[in-house]
């Protein structure tokens, strides 16, 4: 029981840490706008009626990687 509670507290701590905005958020408006554009493009690709000549899955993966990299950049 104690181990389970400690695990839950650890997971809660990680979730809280990841959900906190970066201290740099607000200092890089261009990056923030790019993240918004990436989000919109991903939504469009996910709900499109076609697969863009077979490139939809690769494009979504590239968007996810770009999002990850930009969020790392916001930490600086």
PDB file of N, CA and C in Angstrom:
ATOM      1  N   UNK A   1       0.831  -1.193   0.000  1.00  0.00           N
ATOM      2  CA  UNK A   1       0.000   0.000   0.000  1.00  0.00           C
ATOM      3  C   UNK A   1       0.879   1.261   0.000  1.00  0.00           C
ATOM      4  N   UNK A   2       1.911   1.243   0.823  1.00  0.00           N
ATOM      5  CA  UNK A   2       2.795   2.414   0.912  1.00  0.00           C
ATOM      6  C   UNK A   2       3.528   2.634  -0.407  1.00  0.00           C
ATOM      7  N   UNK A   3       3.985   1.558  -1.035  1.00  0.00           N
ATOM      8  CA  UNK A   3       4.687   1.682  -2.318  1.00  0.00           C
ATOM      9  C   UNK A   3       3.758   2.239  -3.385  1.00  0.00           C
ATOM     10  N   UNK A   4       2.519   1.811  -3.358  1.00  0.00           N
ATOM     11  CA  UNK A   4       1.556   2.301  -4.347  1.00  0.00           C
ATOM     12  C   UNK A   4       1.320   3.794  -4.155  1.00  0.00           C
ATOM     13  N   UNK A   5       1.199   4.226  -2.913  1.00  0.00           N
ATOM     14  CA  UNK A   5       0.978   5.642  -2.624  1.00  0.00           C
ATOM     15  C   UNK A   5       2.185   6.471  -3.051  1.00  0.00           C
ATOM     16  N   UNK A   6       3.380   5.978  -2.794  1.00  0.00           N
ATOM     17  CA  UNK A   6       4.589   6.697  -3.186  1.00  0.00           C
ATOM     18  C   UNK A   6       4.677   6.797  -4.708  1.00  0.00           C
ATOM     19  N   UNK A   7       4.303   5.733  -5.404  1.00  0.00           N
ATOM     20  CA  UNK A   7       4.300   5.758  -6.862  1.00  0.00           C
ATOM     21  C   UNK A   7       3.317   6.792  -7.384  1.00  0.00           C
ATOM     22  N   UNK A   8       2.132   6.830  -6.791  1.00  0.00           N
ATOM     23  CA  UNK A   8       1.124   7.801  -7.218  1.00  0.00           C
ATOM     24  C   UNK A   8       1.600   9.225  -6.970  1.00  0.00           C
ATOM     25  N   UNK A   9       2.230   9.467  -5.834  1.00  0.00           N
ATOM     26  CA  UNK A   9       2.751  10.798  -5.542  1.00  0.00           C
ATOM     27  C   UNK A   9       3.868  11.175  -6.514  1.00  0.00           C
ATOM     28  N   UNK A  10       4.697  10.227  -6.866  1.00  0.00           N
ATOM     29  CA  UNK A  10       5.766  10.481  -7.829  1.00  0.00           C
ATOM     30  C   UNK A  10       5.209  10.835  -9.192  1.00  0.00           C
ATOM     31  N   UNK A  11       4.215  10.090  -9.628  1.00  0.00           N
ATOM     32  CA  UNK A  11       3.580  10.365 -10.919  1.00  0.00           C
ATOM     33  C   UNK A  11       2.895  11.727 -10.885  1.00  0.00           C
ATOM     34  N   UNK A  12       2.221  12.037  -9.803  1.00  0.00           N
ATOM     35  CA  UNK A  12       1.566  13.334  -9.665  1.00  0.00           C
ATOM     36  C   UNK A  12       2.587  14.465  -9.740  1.00  0.00           C
ATOM     37  N   UNK A  13       3.726  14.283  -9.112  1.00  0.00           N
ATOM     38  CA  UNK A  13       4.782  15.301  -9.152  1.00  0.00           C
ATOM     39  C   UNK A  13       5.292  15.532 -10.562  1.00  0.00           C
ATOM     40  N   UNK A  14       5.499  14.464 -11.298  1.00  0.00           N
ATOM     41  CA  UNK A  14       5.970  14.585 -12.682  1.00  0.00           C
ATOM     42  C   UNK A  14       4.925  15.293 -13.533  1.00  0.00           C
ATOM     43  N   UNK A  15       3.661  14.908 -13.381  1.00  0.00           N
ATOM     44  CA  UNK A  15       2.590  15.537 -14.154  1.00  0.00           C
ATOM     45  C   UNK A  15       2.515  17.030 -13.838  1.00  0.00           C
ATOM     46  N   UNK A  16       2.621  17.397 -12.572  1.00  0.00           N
ATOM     47  CA  UNK A  16       2.571  18.810 -12.202  1.00  0.00           C
ATOM     48  C   UNK A  16       3.755  19.569 -12.789  1.00  0.00           C
ATOM     49  N   UNK A  17       4.928  18.970 -12.761  1.00  0.00           N
ATOM     50  CA  UNK A  17       6.118  19.622 -13.295  1.00  0.00           C
ATOM     51  C   UNK A  17       5.974  19.842 -14.802  1.00  0.00           C
ATOM     52  N   UNK A  18       5.468  18.854 -15.516  1.00  0.00           N
ATOM     53  CA  UNK A  18       5.319  18.967 -16.960  1.00  0.00           C
ATOM     54  C   UNK A  18       4.213  19.930 -17.358  1.00  0.00           C
ATOM     55  N   UNK A  19       3.234  20.126 -16.501  1.00  0.00           N
ATOM     56  CA  UNK A  19       2.123  21.012 -16.846  1.00  0.00           C
ATOM     57  C   UNK A  19       2.417  22.472 -16.530  1.00  0.00           C
ATOM     58  N   UNK A  20       3.470  22.738 -15.788  1.00  0.00           N
ATOM     59  CA  UNK A  20       3.823  24.120 -15.465  1.00  0.00           C
ATOM     60  C   UNK A  20       4.400  24.802 -16.700  1.00  0.00           C
ATOM     61  N   UNK A  21       3.992  26.047 -16.950  1.00  0.00           N
ATOM     62  CA  UNK A  21       4.551  26.742 -18.102  1.00  0.00           C
ATOM     63  C   UNK A  21       6.033  27.003 -17.921  1.00  0.00           C
ATOM     64  N   UNK A  22       6.727  27.012 -19.021  1.00  0.00           N
ATOM     65  CA  UNK A  22       8.160  27.293 -19.007  1.00  0.00           C
ATOM     66  C   UNK A  22       8.385  28.728 -18.566  1.00  0.00           C
ATOM     67  N   UNK A  23       9.475  29.012 -17.832  1.00  0.00           N
ATOM     68  CA  UNK A  23       9.762  30.396 -17.457  1.00  0.00           C
ATOM     69  C   UNK A  23       9.989  31.272 -18.678  1.00  0.00           C
ATOM     70  N   UNK A  24      10.367  30.679 -19.802  1.00  0.00           N
ATOM     71  CA  UNK A  24      10.622  31.456 -21.014  1.00  0.00           C
ATOM     72  C   UNK A  24       9.346  31.714 -21.800  1.00  0.00           C
ATOM     73  N   UNK A  25       8.222  31.081 -21.411  1.00  0.00           N
ATOM     74  CA  UNK A  25       6.984  31.254 -22.157  1.00  0.00           C
ATOM     75  C   UNK A  25       6.590  32.718 -22.086  1.00  0.00           C
ATOM     76  N   UNK A  26       6.289  33.305 -23.223  1.00  0.00           N
ATOM     77  CA  UNK A  26       5.975  34.724 -23.282  1.00  0.00           C
ATOM     78  C   UNK A  26       7.137  35.548 -23.806  1.00  0.00           C
ATOM     79  N   UNK A  27       8.347  35.000 -23.721  1.00  0.00           N
ATOM     80  CA  UNK A  27       9.533  35.719 -24.194  1.00  0.00           C
ATOM     81  C   UNK A  27       9.848  35.399 -25.641  1.00  0.00           C
ATOM     82  N   UNK A  28       9.191  34.409 -26.202  1.00  0.00           N
ATOM     83  CA  UNK A  28       9.463  33.984 -27.572  1.00  0.00           C
ATOM     84  C   UNK A  28       8.145  33.884 -28.342  1.00  0.00           C
ATOM     85  N   UNK A  29       7.535  35.032 -28.650  1.00  0.00           N
ATOM     86  CA  UNK A  29       6.214  34.987 -29.292  1.00  0.00           C
ATOM     87  C   UNK A  29       6.223  34.300 -30.652  1.00  0.00           C
ATOM     88  N   UNK A  30       7.324  34.370 -31.379  1.00  0.00           N
ATOM     89  CA  UNK A  30       7.390  33.709 -32.684  1.00  0.00           C
ATOM     90  C   UNK A  30       7.288  32.201 -32.536  1.00  0.00           C
ATOM     91  N   UNK A  31       7.978  31.672 -31.520  1.00  0.00           N
ATOM     92  CA  UNK A  31       7.933  30.227 -31.277  1.00  0.00           C
ATOM     93  C   UNK A  31       6.541  29.826 -30.811  1.00  0.00           C
ATOM     94  N   UNK A  32       5.936  30.641 -29.962  1.00  0.00           N
ATOM     95  CA  UNK A  32       4.586  30.346 -29.498  1.00  0.00           C
ATOM     96  C   UNK A  32       3.599  30.336 -30.664  1.00  0.00           C
ATOM     97  N   UNK A  33       3.741  31.282 -31.596  1.00  0.00           N
ATOM     98  CA  UNK A  33       2.868  31.296 -32.776  1.00  0.00           C
ATOM     99  C   UNK A  33       3.121  30.064 -33.645  1.00  0.00           C
ATOM    100  N   UNK A  34       4.377  29.674 -33.766  1.00  0.00           N
ATOM    101  CA  UNK A  34       4.707  28.480 -34.557  1.00  0.00           C
ATOM    102  C   UNK A  34       4.065  27.239 -33.945  1.00  0.00           C
ATOM    103  N   UNK A  35       4.083  27.142 -32.628  1.00  0.00           N
ATOM    104  CA  UNK A  35       3.446  26.002 -31.972  1.00  0.00           C
ATOM    105  C   UNK A  35       1.945  25.983 -32.263  1.00  0.00           C
ATOM    106  N   UNK A  36       1.324  27.149 -32.258  1.00  0.00           N
ATOM    107  CA  UNK A  36      -0.100  27.227 -32.584  1.00  0.00           C
ATOM    108  C   UNK A  36      -0.375  26.793 -34.016  1.00  0.00           C
ATOM    109  N   UNK A  37       0.489  27.244 -34.941  1.00  0.00           N
ATOM    110  CA  UNK A  37       0.328  26.869 -36.348  1.00  0.00           C
ATOM    111  C   UNK A  37       0.524  25.371 -36.530  1.00  0.00           C
ATOM    112  N   UNK A  38       1.498  24.804 -35.827  1.00  0.00           N
ATOM    113  CA  UNK A  38       1.720  23.360 -35.909  1.00  0.00           C
ATOM    114  C   UNK A  38       0.501  22.597 -35.387  1.00  0.00           C
ATOM    115  N   UNK A  39      -0.060  23.082 -34.306  1.00  0.00           N
ATOM    116  CA  UNK A  39      -1.253  22.442 -33.740  1.00  0.00           C
ATOM    117  C   UNK A  39      -2.397  22.468 -34.759  1.00  0.00           C
ATOM    118  N   UNK A  40      -2.608  23.632 -35.390  1.00  0.00           N
ATOM    119  CA  UNK A  40      -3.681  23.752 -36.381  1.00  0.00           C
ATOM    120  C   UNK A  40      -3.442  22.822 -37.573  1.00  0.00           C
ATOM    121  N   UNK A  41      -2.199  22.770 -38.041  1.00  0.00           N
ATOM    122  CA  UNK A  41      -1.876  21.903 -39.185  1.00  0.00           C
ATOM    123  C   UNK A  41      -2.098  20.437 -38.833  1.00  0.00           C
ATOM    124  N   UNK A  42      -1.705  20.054 -37.617  1.00  0.00           N
ATOM    125  CA  UNK A  42      -1.889  18.663 -37.194  1.00  0.00           C
ATOM    126  C   UNK A  42      -3.373  18.309 -37.151  1.00  0.00           C
ATOM    127  N   UNK A  43      -4.175  19.206 -36.582  1.00  0.00           N
ATOM    128  CA  UNK A  43      -5.625  18.979 -36.531  1.00  0.00           C
ATOM    129  C   UNK A  43      -6.187  18.808 -37.943  1.00  0.00           C
ATOM    130  N   UNK A  44      -5.760  19.664 -38.859  1.00  0.00           N
ATOM    131  CA  UNK A  44      -6.237  19.577 -40.237  1.00  0.00           C
ATOM    132  C   UNK A  44      -5.863  18.229 -40.856  1.00  0.00           C
ATOM    133  N   UNK A  45      -4.624  17.824 -40.670  1.00  0.00           N
ATOM    134  CA  UNK A  45      -4.174  16.547 -41.231  1.00  0.00           C
ATOM    135  C   UNK A  45      -4.929  15.369 -40.633  1.00  0.00           C
ATOM    136  N   UNK A  46      -5.164  15.406 -39.333  1.00  0.00           N
ATOM    137  CA  UNK A  46      -5.847  14.296 -38.669  1.00  0.00           C
ATOM    138  C   UNK A  46      -7.281  14.128 -39.165  1.00  0.00           C
ATOM    139  N   UNK A  47      -7.931  15.227 -39.506  1.00  0.00           N
ATOM    140  CA  UNK A  47      -9.349  15.158 -39.869  1.00  0.00           C
ATOM    141  C   UNK A  47      -9.592  15.293 -41.364  1.00  0.00           C
ATOM    142  N   UNK A  48      -8.543  15.298 -42.142  1.00  0.00           N
ATOM    143  CA  UNK A  48      -8.688  15.432 -43.596  1.00  0.00           C
ATOM    144  C   UNK A  48      -9.329  14.179 -44.187  1.00  0.00           C
ATOM    145  N   UNK A  49     -10.002  14.378 -45.305  1.00  0.00           N
ATOM    146  CA  UNK A  49     -10.693  13.270 -45.965  1.00  0.00           C
ATOM    147  C   UNK A  49      -9.747  12.407 -46.800  1.00  0.00           C
ATOM    148  N   UNK A  50      -8.527  12.866 -47.013  1.00  0.00           N
ATOM    149  CA  UNK A  50      -7.576  12.089 -47.816  1.00  0.00           C
ATOM    150  C   UNK A  50      -6.227  12.044 -47.110  1.00  0.00           C
ATOM    151  N   UNK A  51      -5.274  11.298 -47.685  1.00  0.00           N
ATOM    152  CA  UNK A  51      -3.989  11.097 -47.006  1.00  0.00           C
ATOM    153  C   UNK A  51      -2.836  11.867 -47.638  1.00  0.00           C
ATOM    154  N   UNK A  52      -3.160  12.872 -48.451  1.00  0.00           N
ATOM    155  CA  UNK A  52      -2.140  13.748 -49.042  1.00  0.00           C
ATOM    156  C   UNK A  52      -1.073  12.946 -49.786  1.00  0.00           C
ATOM    157  N   UNK A  53      -1.540  12.055 -50.638  1.00  0.00           N
ATOM    158  CA  UNK A  53      -0.621  11.270 -51.455  1.00  0.00           C
ATOM    159  C   UNK A  53       0.267  10.343 -50.645  1.00  0.00           C
ATOM    160  N   UNK A  54      -0.233   9.921 -49.498  1.00  0.00           N
ATOM    161  CA  UNK A  54       0.536   9.016 -48.648  1.00  0.00           C
ATOM    162  C   UNK A  54       1.489   9.712 -47.695  1.00  0.00           C
ATOM    163  N   UNK A  55       1.416  11.027 -47.598  1.00  0.00           N
ATOM    164  CA  UNK A  55       2.358  11.783 -46.760  1.00  0.00           C
ATOM    165  C   UNK A  55       1.769  12.225 -45.418  1.00  0.00           C
ATOM    166  N   UNK A  56       0.501  11.958 -45.182  1.00  0.00           N
ATOM    167  CA  UNK A  56      -0.130  12.450 -43.956  1.00  0.00           C
ATOM    168  C   UNK A  56       0.554  11.922 -42.698  1.00  0.00           C
ATOM    169  N   UNK A  57       0.796  10.640 -42.617  1.00  0.00           N
ATOM    170  CA  UNK A  57       1.392  10.060 -41.407  1.00  0.00           C
ATOM    171  C   UNK A  57       2.781  10.638 -41.155  1.00  0.00           C
ATOM    172  N   UNK A  58       3.591  10.739 -42.203  1.00  0.00           N
ATOM    173  CA  UNK A  58       4.935  11.311 -42.042  1.00  0.00           C
ATOM    174  C   UNK A  58       4.862  12.779 -41.637  1.00  0.00           C
ATOM    175  N   UNK A  59       3.904  13.512 -42.190  1.00  0.00           N
ATOM    176  CA  UNK A  59       3.759  14.926 -41.847  1.00  0.00           C
ATOM    177  C   UNK A  59       3.372  15.089 -40.380  1.00  0.00           C
ATOM    178  N   UNK A  60       2.483  14.237 -39.907  1.00  0.00           N
ATOM    179  CA  UNK A  60       2.083  14.314 -38.489  1.00  0.00           C
ATOM    180  C   UNK A  60       3.269  13.998 -37.591  1.00  0.00           C
ATOM    181  N   UNK A  61       4.067  13.012 -37.963  1.00  0.00           N
ATOM    182  CA  UNK A  61       5.270  12.691 -37.177  1.00  0.00           C
ATOM    183  C   UNK A  61       6.236  13.874 -37.162  1.00  0.00           C
ATOM    184  N   UNK A  62       6.410  14.519 -38.307  1.00  0.00           N
ATOM    185  CA  UNK A  62       7.316  15.668 -38.392  1.00  0.00           C
ATOM    186  C   UNK A  62       6.795  16.827 -37.540  1.00  0.00           C
ATOM    187  N   UNK A  63       5.491  17.032 -37.534  1.00  0.00           N
ATOM    188  CA  UNK A  63       4.896  18.081 -36.703  1.00  0.00           C
ATOM    189  C   UNK A  63       5.137  17.776 -35.233  1.00  0.00           C
ATOM    190  N   UNK A  64       4.944  16.523 -34.835  1.00  0.00           N
ATOM    191  CA  UNK A  64       5.171  16.147 -33.439  1.00  0.00           C
ATOM    192  C   UNK A  64       6.623  16.394 -33.028  1.00  0.00           C
ATOM    193  N   UNK A  65       7.560  16.075 -33.909  1.00  0.00           N
ATOM    194  CA  UNK A  65       8.972  16.298 -33.596  1.00  0.00           C
ATOM    195  C   UNK A  65       9.287  17.790 -33.543  1.00  0.00           C
ATOM    196  N   UNK A  66       8.737  18.555 -34.465  1.00  0.00           N
ATOM    197  CA  UNK A  66       8.955  20.012 -34.448  1.00  0.00           C
ATOM    198  C   UNK A  66       8.382  20.608 -33.170  1.00  0.00           C
ATOM    199  N   UNK A  67       7.204  20.150 -32.764  1.00  0.00           N
ATOM    200  CA  UNK A  67       6.586  20.619 -31.522  1.00  0.00           C
ATOM    201  C   UNK A  67       7.499  20.321 -30.337  1.00  0.00           C
ATOM    202  N   UNK A  68       8.028  19.106 -30.299  1.00  0.00           N
ATOM    203  CA  UNK A  68       8.914  18.715 -29.200  1.00  0.00           C
ATOM    204  C   UNK A  68      10.155  19.602 -29.151  1.00  0.00           C
ATOM    205  N   UNK A  69      10.754  19.832 -30.306  1.00  0.00           N
ATOM    206  CA  UNK A  69      11.963  20.649 -30.360  1.00  0.00           C
ATOM    207  C   UNK A  69      11.680  22.099 -29.964  1.00  0.00           C
ATOM    208  N   UNK A  70      10.567  22.648 -30.426  1.00  0.00           N
ATOM    209  CA  UNK A  70      10.239  24.033 -30.086  1.00  0.00           C
ATOM    210  C   UNK A  70       9.960  24.182 -28.599  1.00  0.00           C
ATOM    211  N   UNK A  71       9.332  23.191 -28.000  1.00  0.00           N
ATOM    212  CA  UNK A  71       9.072  23.265 -26.550  1.00  0.00           C
ATOM    213  C   UNK A  71      10.398  23.215 -25.763  1.00  0.00           C
ATOM    214  N   UNK A  72      11.357  22.478 -26.273  1.00  0.00           N
ATOM    215  CA  UNK A  72      12.679  22.475 -25.645  1.00  0.00           C
ATOM    216  C   UNK A  72      13.291  23.866 -25.767  1.00  0.00           C
ATOM    217  N   UNK A  73      13.165  24.469 -26.940  1.00  0.00           N
ATOM    218  CA  UNK A  73      13.699  25.823 -27.149  1.00  0.00           C
ATOM    219  C   UNK A  73      13.096  26.831 -26.171  1.00  0.00           C
ATOM    220  N   UNK A  74      11.816  26.670 -25.866  1.00  0.00           N
ATOM    221  CA  UNK A  74      11.169  27.609 -24.950  1.00  0.00           C
ATOM    222  C   UNK A  74      11.778  27.554 -23.555  1.00  0.00           C
ATOM    223  N   UNK A  75      12.496  26.508 -23.253  1.00  0.00           N
ATOM    224  CA  UNK A  75      13.133  26.397 -21.949  1.00  0.00           C
ATOM    225  C   UNK A  75      14.382  27.265 -21.804  1.00  0.00           C
ATOM    226  N   UNK A  76      14.788  27.916 -22.882  1.00  0.00           N
ATOM    227  CA  UNK A  76      16.023  28.724 -22.841  1.00  0.00           C
ATOM    228  C   UNK A  76      15.722  30.177 -23.052  1.00  0.00           C
TER     229      UNK A  76
END
